[in-house]
N, C-alpha and C. Protein backbone atom coordinates (compact mmCIF):
# COMPACT_ATOMS: atom_id res chain seq x y z
N MET A 1 154.99 91.48 115.94
CA MET A 1 153.68 91.42 116.54
C MET A 1 152.67 91.75 115.47
N VAL A 2 151.69 90.88 115.32
CA VAL A 2 150.64 91.13 114.34
C VAL A 2 149.34 91.39 115.08
N LEU A 3 148.68 92.47 114.72
CA LEU A 3 147.35 92.74 115.23
C LEU A 3 146.38 92.31 114.16
N ILE A 4 145.51 91.41 114.54
CA ILE A 4 144.60 90.79 113.60
C ILE A 4 143.21 90.79 114.23
N GLY A 5 142.21 90.77 113.42
CA GLY A 5 140.85 90.74 113.92
C GLY A 5 139.88 91.25 112.87
N PRO A 6 138.60 91.13 113.15
CA PRO A 6 137.59 91.61 112.20
C PRO A 6 137.68 93.12 112.01
N GLU A 7 136.91 93.59 111.07
CA GLU A 7 136.85 95.02 110.80
C GLU A 7 136.34 95.77 112.04
N SER A 8 136.85 96.97 112.20
CA SER A 8 136.39 97.89 113.24
C SER A 8 136.61 97.34 114.65
N THR A 9 137.80 96.79 114.87
CA THR A 9 138.14 96.29 116.21
C THR A 9 139.36 97.00 116.79
N GLY A 10 139.72 98.14 116.23
CA GLY A 10 140.77 98.96 116.80
C GLY A 10 142.19 98.56 116.44
N LYS A 11 142.36 97.73 115.43
CA LYS A 11 143.70 97.25 115.07
C LYS A 11 144.65 98.38 114.68
N SER A 12 144.19 99.27 113.84
CA SER A 12 145.06 100.33 113.32
C SER A 12 145.51 101.27 114.44
N VAL A 13 144.58 101.69 115.27
CA VAL A 13 144.92 102.58 116.38
C VAL A 13 145.86 101.87 117.34
N LEU A 14 145.56 100.63 117.67
CA LEU A 14 146.37 99.89 118.63
C LEU A 14 147.77 99.61 118.07
N THR A 15 147.86 99.31 116.79
CA THR A 15 149.17 99.07 116.17
C THR A 15 150.06 100.30 116.31
N LYS A 16 149.55 101.44 115.92
CA LYS A 16 150.34 102.67 115.99
C LYS A 16 150.66 103.03 117.44
N THR A 17 149.70 102.88 118.34
CA THR A 17 149.94 103.20 119.75
C THR A 17 151.03 102.33 120.34
N LEU A 18 150.99 101.03 120.06
CA LEU A 18 152.03 100.12 120.57
C LEU A 18 153.39 100.44 119.97
N ALA A 19 153.42 100.70 118.67
CA ALA A 19 154.69 101.05 118.02
C ALA A 19 155.28 102.31 118.64
N ASP A 20 154.44 103.30 118.88
CA ASP A 20 154.91 104.54 119.53
C ASP A 20 155.40 104.26 120.95
N TYR A 21 154.65 103.46 121.69
CA TYR A 21 154.99 103.14 123.07
C TYR A 21 156.38 102.50 123.16
N PHE A 22 156.66 101.56 122.25
CA PHE A 22 157.94 100.84 122.26
C PHE A 22 158.99 101.48 121.36
N ASN A 23 158.63 102.58 120.72
CA ASN A 23 159.53 103.27 119.80
C ASN A 23 160.05 102.31 118.73
N GLU A 24 159.12 101.61 118.13
CA GLU A 24 159.44 100.63 117.08
C GLU A 24 158.61 100.95 115.84
N PRO A 25 159.02 100.46 114.69
CA PRO A 25 158.26 100.71 113.46
C PRO A 25 156.97 99.88 113.40
N PHE A 26 156.10 100.28 112.51
CA PHE A 26 154.88 99.51 112.28
C PHE A 26 154.55 99.50 110.80
N VAL A 27 153.79 98.51 110.41
CA VAL A 27 153.28 98.41 109.04
C VAL A 27 151.79 98.67 109.11
N SER A 28 151.36 99.71 108.41
CA SER A 28 149.93 100.01 108.39
C SER A 28 149.20 99.01 107.50
N GLU A 29 147.89 99.07 107.51
CA GLU A 29 147.08 98.09 106.78
C GLU A 29 147.22 98.29 105.27
N VAL A 30 148.01 97.45 104.64
CA VAL A 30 148.32 97.55 103.23
C VAL A 30 147.06 97.43 102.38
N ALA A 31 146.19 96.50 102.72
CA ALA A 31 144.98 96.28 101.93
C ALA A 31 144.10 97.53 101.91
N ARG A 32 143.93 98.14 103.06
CA ARG A 32 143.10 99.36 103.14
C ARG A 32 143.65 100.44 102.23
N GLU A 33 144.95 100.67 102.32
CA GLU A 33 145.57 101.72 101.52
C GLU A 33 145.40 101.45 100.03
N TYR A 34 145.53 100.20 99.64
CA TYR A 34 145.40 99.82 98.23
C TYR A 34 143.96 100.01 97.76
N VAL A 35 143.01 99.48 98.50
CA VAL A 35 141.60 99.50 98.10
C VAL A 35 141.06 100.94 98.07
N GLU A 36 141.51 101.77 99.00
CA GLU A 36 141.05 103.16 99.02
C GLU A 36 141.43 103.92 97.75
N LYS A 37 142.49 103.49 97.10
CA LYS A 37 142.96 104.17 95.88
C LYS A 37 142.30 103.65 94.60
N LEU A 38 141.62 102.52 94.69
CA LEU A 38 140.97 101.95 93.50
C LEU A 38 139.73 102.76 93.12
N ASN A 39 139.50 102.86 91.84
CA ASN A 39 138.28 103.52 91.36
C ASN A 39 137.28 102.49 90.85
N ARG A 40 137.38 101.29 91.40
CA ARG A 40 136.53 100.17 91.00
C ARG A 40 136.53 99.16 92.13
N ALA A 41 135.70 98.14 92.01
CA ALA A 41 135.69 97.06 93.00
C ALA A 41 136.98 96.25 92.84
N TYR A 42 137.52 95.78 93.96
CA TYR A 42 138.72 94.97 93.88
C TYR A 42 138.38 93.56 93.39
N ASN A 43 139.40 92.84 92.91
CA ASN A 43 139.20 91.49 92.38
C ASN A 43 140.31 90.57 92.89
N TYR A 44 140.28 89.33 92.42
CA TYR A 44 141.26 88.32 92.85
C TYR A 44 142.69 88.80 92.62
N GLN A 45 142.95 89.36 91.44
CA GLN A 45 144.31 89.82 91.12
C GLN A 45 144.74 90.94 92.07
N ASP A 46 143.80 91.81 92.43
CA ASP A 46 144.12 92.88 93.37
C ASP A 46 144.55 92.31 94.72
N ILE A 47 143.87 91.28 95.18
CA ILE A 47 144.21 90.69 96.48
C ILE A 47 145.60 90.06 96.41
N GLU A 48 145.94 89.49 95.26
CA GLU A 48 147.29 88.94 95.11
C GLU A 48 148.34 90.05 95.13
N VAL A 49 148.05 91.17 94.50
CA VAL A 49 148.96 92.33 94.54
C VAL A 49 149.10 92.82 95.98
N ILE A 50 147.99 92.88 96.70
CA ILE A 50 148.01 93.30 98.11
C ILE A 50 148.92 92.38 98.92
N ALA A 51 148.81 91.08 98.70
CA ALA A 51 149.65 90.11 99.44
C ALA A 51 151.12 90.38 99.18
N LYS A 52 151.48 90.62 97.94
CA LYS A 52 152.89 90.88 97.61
C LYS A 52 153.36 92.21 98.20
N MET A 53 152.48 93.20 98.19
CA MET A 53 152.81 94.49 98.80
C MET A 53 152.99 94.34 100.31
N GLN A 54 152.18 93.48 100.93
CA GLN A 54 152.28 93.22 102.37
C GLN A 54 153.66 92.66 102.71
N ILE A 55 154.08 91.67 101.95
CA ILE A 55 155.40 91.06 102.17
C ILE A 55 156.50 92.11 102.03
N GLU A 56 156.41 92.92 101.00
CA GLU A 56 157.41 93.96 100.76
C GLU A 56 157.44 94.98 101.90
N ALA A 57 156.27 95.41 102.34
CA ALA A 57 156.19 96.40 103.43
C ALA A 57 156.77 95.84 104.73
N GLU A 58 156.46 94.58 105.02
CA GLU A 58 157.00 93.96 106.24
C GLU A 58 158.51 93.83 106.18
N ASN A 59 159.02 93.37 105.05
CA ASN A 59 160.48 93.21 104.91
C ASN A 59 161.21 94.54 105.04
N LYS A 60 160.63 95.58 104.47
CA LYS A 60 161.24 96.92 104.55
C LYS A 60 161.24 97.43 106.00
N ALA A 61 160.10 97.29 106.68
CA ALA A 61 159.98 97.77 108.06
C ALA A 61 160.83 96.94 109.02
N LEU A 62 160.96 95.65 108.74
CA LEU A 62 161.75 94.77 109.61
C LEU A 62 163.19 95.26 109.72
N LYS A 63 163.72 95.83 108.67
CA LYS A 63 165.09 96.35 108.68
C LYS A 63 165.24 97.53 109.63
N LEU A 64 164.14 98.20 109.95
CA LEU A 64 164.17 99.38 110.81
C LEU A 64 163.93 99.05 112.28
N SER A 65 163.50 97.82 112.55
CA SER A 65 163.14 97.48 113.92
C SER A 65 164.37 97.15 114.75
N LYS A 66 164.29 97.51 116.01
CA LYS A 66 165.36 97.17 116.96
C LYS A 66 165.06 95.82 117.60
N GLU A 67 163.83 95.66 118.05
CA GLU A 67 163.42 94.42 118.70
C GLU A 67 162.11 93.89 118.12
N TRP A 68 161.15 94.79 117.93
CA TRP A 68 159.82 94.38 117.49
C TRP A 68 159.37 95.18 116.28
N LEU A 69 158.49 94.57 115.53
CA LEU A 69 157.79 95.23 114.43
C LEU A 69 156.31 94.99 114.67
N PHE A 70 155.52 96.03 114.60
CA PHE A 70 154.08 95.92 114.80
C PHE A 70 153.40 95.98 113.43
N ILE A 71 152.53 95.01 113.18
CA ILE A 71 151.92 94.86 111.86
C ILE A 71 150.40 94.90 112.00
N ASP A 72 149.79 95.82 111.29
CA ASP A 72 148.33 95.98 111.26
C ASP A 72 147.77 95.07 110.17
N THR A 73 147.36 93.88 110.57
CA THR A 73 146.87 92.81 109.69
C THR A 73 148.03 92.23 108.89
N ASP A 74 147.85 91.00 108.42
CA ASP A 74 148.92 90.36 107.66
C ASP A 74 148.35 89.37 106.67
N LEU A 75 149.19 88.47 106.21
CA LEU A 75 148.79 87.53 105.15
C LEU A 75 147.72 86.53 105.59
N LEU A 76 147.56 86.31 106.88
CA LEU A 76 146.47 85.42 107.32
C LEU A 76 145.12 86.01 106.93
N ILE A 77 144.97 87.31 107.12
CA ILE A 77 143.72 87.96 106.72
C ILE A 77 143.56 87.92 105.20
N THR A 78 144.66 88.12 104.49
CA THR A 78 144.62 88.05 103.03
C THR A 78 144.15 86.67 102.58
N LYS A 79 144.68 85.63 103.20
CA LYS A 79 144.27 84.27 102.86
C LYS A 79 142.77 84.07 103.12
N VAL A 80 142.29 84.55 104.24
CA VAL A 80 140.88 84.41 104.58
C VAL A 80 140.01 85.13 103.55
N TRP A 81 140.43 86.33 103.13
CA TRP A 81 139.64 87.06 102.12
C TRP A 81 139.61 86.33 100.80
N PHE A 82 140.74 85.77 100.38
CA PHE A 82 140.75 84.95 99.17
C PHE A 82 139.70 83.83 99.29
N LEU A 83 139.76 83.10 100.39
CA LEU A 83 138.86 81.96 100.58
C LEU A 83 137.41 82.40 100.70
N HIS A 84 137.17 83.46 101.43
CA HIS A 84 135.81 83.95 101.63
C HIS A 84 135.18 84.41 100.31
N LEU A 85 135.94 85.13 99.52
CA LEU A 85 135.39 85.70 98.29
C LEU A 85 135.46 84.78 97.08
N TYR A 86 136.52 83.96 97.01
CA TYR A 86 136.76 83.19 95.79
C TYR A 86 136.87 81.68 96.00
N GLY A 87 136.92 81.25 97.26
CA GLY A 87 137.01 79.82 97.55
C GLY A 87 138.36 79.21 97.23
N LYS A 88 139.35 80.04 96.97
CA LYS A 88 140.70 79.57 96.66
C LYS A 88 141.68 80.69 96.94
N TYR A 89 142.96 80.34 96.99
CA TYR A 89 144.02 81.33 97.17
C TYR A 89 145.28 80.80 96.50
N PRO A 90 146.20 81.68 96.13
CA PRO A 90 147.43 81.21 95.48
C PRO A 90 148.25 80.37 96.46
N LYS A 91 148.74 79.25 96.01
CA LYS A 91 149.43 78.32 96.89
C LYS A 91 150.74 78.86 97.45
N TRP A 92 151.34 79.83 96.78
CA TRP A 92 152.57 80.42 97.30
C TRP A 92 152.32 81.15 98.62
N LEU A 93 151.06 81.49 98.87
CA LEU A 93 150.72 82.24 100.07
C LEU A 93 151.03 81.44 101.34
N ASP A 94 150.78 80.13 101.32
CA ASP A 94 151.10 79.30 102.50
C ASP A 94 152.58 79.40 102.86
N LYS A 95 153.43 79.29 101.86
CA LYS A 95 154.87 79.38 102.12
C LYS A 95 155.26 80.74 102.67
N ALA A 96 154.64 81.78 102.14
CA ALA A 96 154.94 83.14 102.61
C ALA A 96 154.48 83.32 104.06
N ILE A 97 153.34 82.75 104.40
CA ILE A 97 152.84 82.84 105.79
C ILE A 97 153.78 82.11 106.73
N ILE A 98 154.20 80.92 106.36
CA ILE A 98 155.09 80.13 107.21
C ILE A 98 156.46 80.80 107.35
N LYS A 99 156.94 81.41 106.28
CA LYS A 99 158.26 82.04 106.27
C LYS A 99 158.31 83.32 107.09
N ALA A 100 157.20 84.02 107.23
CA ALA A 100 157.18 85.32 107.93
C ALA A 100 157.48 85.13 109.41
N PRO A 101 158.44 85.88 109.93
CA PRO A 101 158.75 85.75 111.36
C PRO A 101 157.63 86.32 112.21
N ARG A 102 157.11 85.52 113.11
CA ARG A 102 156.01 85.94 113.99
C ARG A 102 156.34 85.57 115.42
N TYR A 103 156.19 86.52 116.31
CA TYR A 103 156.38 86.27 117.73
C TYR A 103 155.03 86.03 118.40
N LEU A 104 154.07 86.88 118.08
CA LEU A 104 152.78 86.82 118.75
C LEU A 104 151.72 87.50 117.91
N TYR A 105 150.54 86.92 117.91
CA TYR A 105 149.37 87.56 117.31
C TYR A 105 148.53 88.14 118.42
N LEU A 106 148.12 89.39 118.26
CA LEU A 106 147.15 90.01 119.15
C LEU A 106 145.83 90.01 118.38
N LEU A 107 144.95 89.10 118.78
CA LEU A 107 143.67 88.92 118.11
C LEU A 107 142.64 89.84 118.75
N CYS A 108 142.29 90.90 118.04
CA CYS A 108 141.38 91.91 118.59
C CYS A 108 139.94 91.43 118.52
N ASN A 109 139.32 91.42 119.69
CA ASN A 109 137.94 90.99 119.80
C ASN A 109 137.02 92.05 119.21
N PHE A 110 135.81 91.63 118.89
CA PHE A 110 134.83 92.51 118.26
C PHE A 110 133.93 93.17 119.32
N ASP A 111 134.50 93.48 120.48
CA ASP A 111 133.77 94.09 121.58
C ASP A 111 133.76 95.62 121.52
N LEU A 112 134.25 96.19 120.43
CA LEU A 112 134.15 97.63 120.20
C LEU A 112 132.97 97.90 119.28
N PRO A 113 132.36 99.06 119.39
CA PRO A 113 131.25 99.38 118.48
C PRO A 113 131.72 99.44 117.03
N TRP A 114 130.85 99.01 116.13
CA TRP A 114 131.13 99.09 114.70
C TRP A 114 131.17 100.56 114.28
N VAL A 115 132.18 100.93 113.51
CA VAL A 115 132.26 102.26 112.93
C VAL A 115 132.36 102.07 111.42
N ALA A 116 131.37 102.55 110.70
CA ALA A 116 131.34 102.38 109.25
C ALA A 116 132.36 103.29 108.58
N ASP A 117 132.91 102.82 107.48
CA ASP A 117 133.71 103.65 106.59
C ASP A 117 133.62 103.03 105.19
N PRO A 118 134.07 103.73 104.15
CA PRO A 118 133.87 103.24 102.78
C PRO A 118 134.54 101.90 102.45
N VAL A 119 135.53 101.46 103.24
CA VAL A 119 136.25 100.22 102.94
C VAL A 119 135.68 99.02 103.70
N ARG A 120 135.03 99.25 104.79
CA ARG A 120 134.50 98.15 105.62
C ARG A 120 133.25 97.56 104.98
N GLU A 121 133.14 96.23 105.06
CA GLU A 121 132.09 95.53 104.32
C GLU A 121 131.17 94.65 105.16
N ASN A 122 131.56 94.27 106.36
CA ASN A 122 130.86 93.19 107.05
C ASN A 122 130.50 93.50 108.50
N PRO A 123 129.62 94.45 108.74
CA PRO A 123 129.28 94.77 110.14
C PRO A 123 128.61 93.62 110.88
N ASP A 124 127.96 92.73 110.16
CA ASP A 124 127.23 91.63 110.78
C ASP A 124 128.00 90.32 110.80
N LYS A 125 129.27 90.33 110.39
CA LYS A 125 130.06 89.10 110.32
C LYS A 125 131.33 89.16 111.17
N ARG A 126 131.35 90.03 112.15
CA ARG A 126 132.58 90.17 112.94
C ARG A 126 132.88 88.92 113.75
N GLU A 127 131.89 88.31 114.35
CA GLU A 127 132.14 87.07 115.10
C GLU A 127 132.59 85.96 114.16
N PHE A 128 131.98 85.86 113.00
CA PHE A 128 132.35 84.88 111.98
C PHE A 128 133.83 85.01 111.62
N PHE A 129 134.28 86.23 111.31
CA PHE A 129 135.68 86.44 110.92
C PHE A 129 136.62 86.29 112.11
N PHE A 130 136.21 86.73 113.28
CA PHE A 130 137.02 86.55 114.48
C PHE A 130 137.36 85.07 114.65
N ASN A 131 136.35 84.21 114.57
CA ASN A 131 136.56 82.77 114.74
C ASN A 131 137.41 82.18 113.62
N TRP A 132 137.23 82.68 112.42
CA TRP A 132 138.03 82.19 111.29
C TRP A 132 139.50 82.58 111.47
N TYR A 133 139.76 83.82 111.85
CA TYR A 133 141.14 84.24 112.07
C TYR A 133 141.78 83.42 113.19
N LYS A 134 141.02 83.16 114.23
CA LYS A 134 141.53 82.35 115.34
C LYS A 134 141.91 80.95 114.85
N ARG A 135 141.06 80.35 114.04
CA ARG A 135 141.37 79.02 113.49
C ARG A 135 142.64 79.05 112.63
N GLU A 136 142.80 80.09 111.84
CA GLU A 136 144.00 80.21 110.99
C GLU A 136 145.26 80.35 111.83
N ILE A 137 145.21 81.18 112.86
CA ILE A 137 146.36 81.34 113.75
C ILE A 137 146.71 79.98 114.36
N GLU A 138 145.70 79.26 114.82
CA GLU A 138 145.94 77.94 115.43
C GLU A 138 146.42 76.93 114.40
N LEU A 139 145.92 77.00 113.18
CA LEU A 139 146.36 76.10 112.11
C LEU A 139 147.87 76.20 111.88
N TYR A 140 148.38 77.43 111.89
CA TYR A 140 149.81 77.65 111.69
C TYR A 140 150.62 77.55 112.99
N LYS A 141 149.92 77.27 114.08
CA LYS A 141 150.54 77.06 115.40
C LYS A 141 151.28 78.30 115.92
N TYR A 142 150.71 79.46 115.65
CA TYR A 142 151.27 80.70 116.19
C TYR A 142 150.70 80.96 117.58
N ASP A 143 151.49 81.58 118.42
CA ASP A 143 151.00 82.03 119.72
C ASP A 143 150.11 83.24 119.52
N TYR A 144 149.08 83.35 120.36
CA TYR A 144 148.20 84.51 120.26
C TYR A 144 147.56 84.80 121.61
N VAL A 145 147.12 86.04 121.73
CA VAL A 145 146.37 86.50 122.89
C VAL A 145 145.18 87.27 122.36
N ILE A 146 144.01 87.00 122.91
CA ILE A 146 142.82 87.75 122.54
C ILE A 146 142.81 89.06 123.33
N ILE A 147 142.64 90.15 122.60
CA ILE A 147 142.66 91.48 123.21
C ILE A 147 141.22 92.00 123.29
N ASN A 148 140.79 92.25 124.51
CA ASN A 148 139.45 92.77 124.79
C ASN A 148 139.57 94.15 125.40
N GLY A 149 138.43 94.80 125.55
CA GLY A 149 138.37 96.04 126.31
C GLY A 149 138.18 97.28 125.47
N GLN A 150 137.71 98.29 126.13
CA GLN A 150 137.47 99.58 125.50
C GLN A 150 138.64 100.52 125.81
N HIS A 151 138.99 101.36 124.86
CA HIS A 151 139.94 102.46 125.02
C HIS A 151 141.22 102.06 125.76
N GLU A 152 141.46 102.68 126.92
CA GLU A 152 142.70 102.44 127.66
C GLU A 152 142.82 100.99 128.13
N ASN A 153 141.69 100.36 128.43
CA ASN A 153 141.73 98.95 128.86
C ASN A 153 142.24 98.06 127.73
N ARG A 154 141.90 98.37 126.51
CA ARG A 154 142.37 97.58 125.38
C ARG A 154 143.89 97.70 125.27
N LEU A 155 144.37 98.93 125.37
CA LEU A 155 145.82 99.15 125.33
C LEU A 155 146.49 98.44 126.50
N ARG A 156 145.95 98.57 127.68
CA ARG A 156 146.52 97.92 128.87
C ARG A 156 146.57 96.40 128.67
N ASN A 157 145.53 95.82 128.12
CA ASN A 157 145.51 94.37 127.89
C ASN A 157 146.54 93.95 126.83
N ALA A 158 146.72 94.78 125.83
CA ALA A 158 147.74 94.49 124.81
C ALA A 158 149.14 94.58 125.42
N LEU A 159 149.38 95.59 126.24
CA LEU A 159 150.68 95.73 126.88
C LEU A 159 150.96 94.55 127.81
N LYS A 160 149.95 94.09 128.54
CA LYS A 160 150.12 92.91 129.41
C LYS A 160 150.54 91.70 128.59
N ALA A 161 149.96 91.55 127.42
CA ALA A 161 150.29 90.40 126.56
C ALA A 161 151.73 90.48 126.08
N LEU A 162 152.22 91.67 125.87
CA LEU A 162 153.57 91.86 125.34
C LEU A 162 154.65 91.85 126.42
N ILE A 163 154.32 92.32 127.60
CA ILE A 163 155.29 92.41 128.70
C ILE A 163 154.87 91.41 129.76
N HIS A 164 155.27 90.19 129.59
CA HIS A 164 154.88 89.16 130.58
C HIS A 164 156.08 88.45 131.13
């Protein structure tokens, strides 16, 4: 299960909550962890390193899962960032996206209030990125459910999508 969506849409909290609920492993947001440790602005090469770290983290966590693995963002977001910032992305990324086992994308809507932090960059582009992520999910023909709602309602809507 991949939780995807624009910045500040509750992906990280929801990923951990769902993993705890189902007693399954999760992969935290690799890009955030990487960028927080940089003492400079990230660049194209950094995003490529992030993509490779994402693949490694998913493969490692997949070995620990019984039934599901919950992933806080994935290579689709990495691809979008490459395109948004540089207008190109490494071609190996398409193969990696297609190869990754995916059951369902939970596309988190931008109906939560924006919460600023040092890594977030686009408070005024959440609808733009939401629509772009949706197009990418559809391009690769993955199943997805849009997750709306505040607090417990968001969790309830995610659980409904998973237990149907």
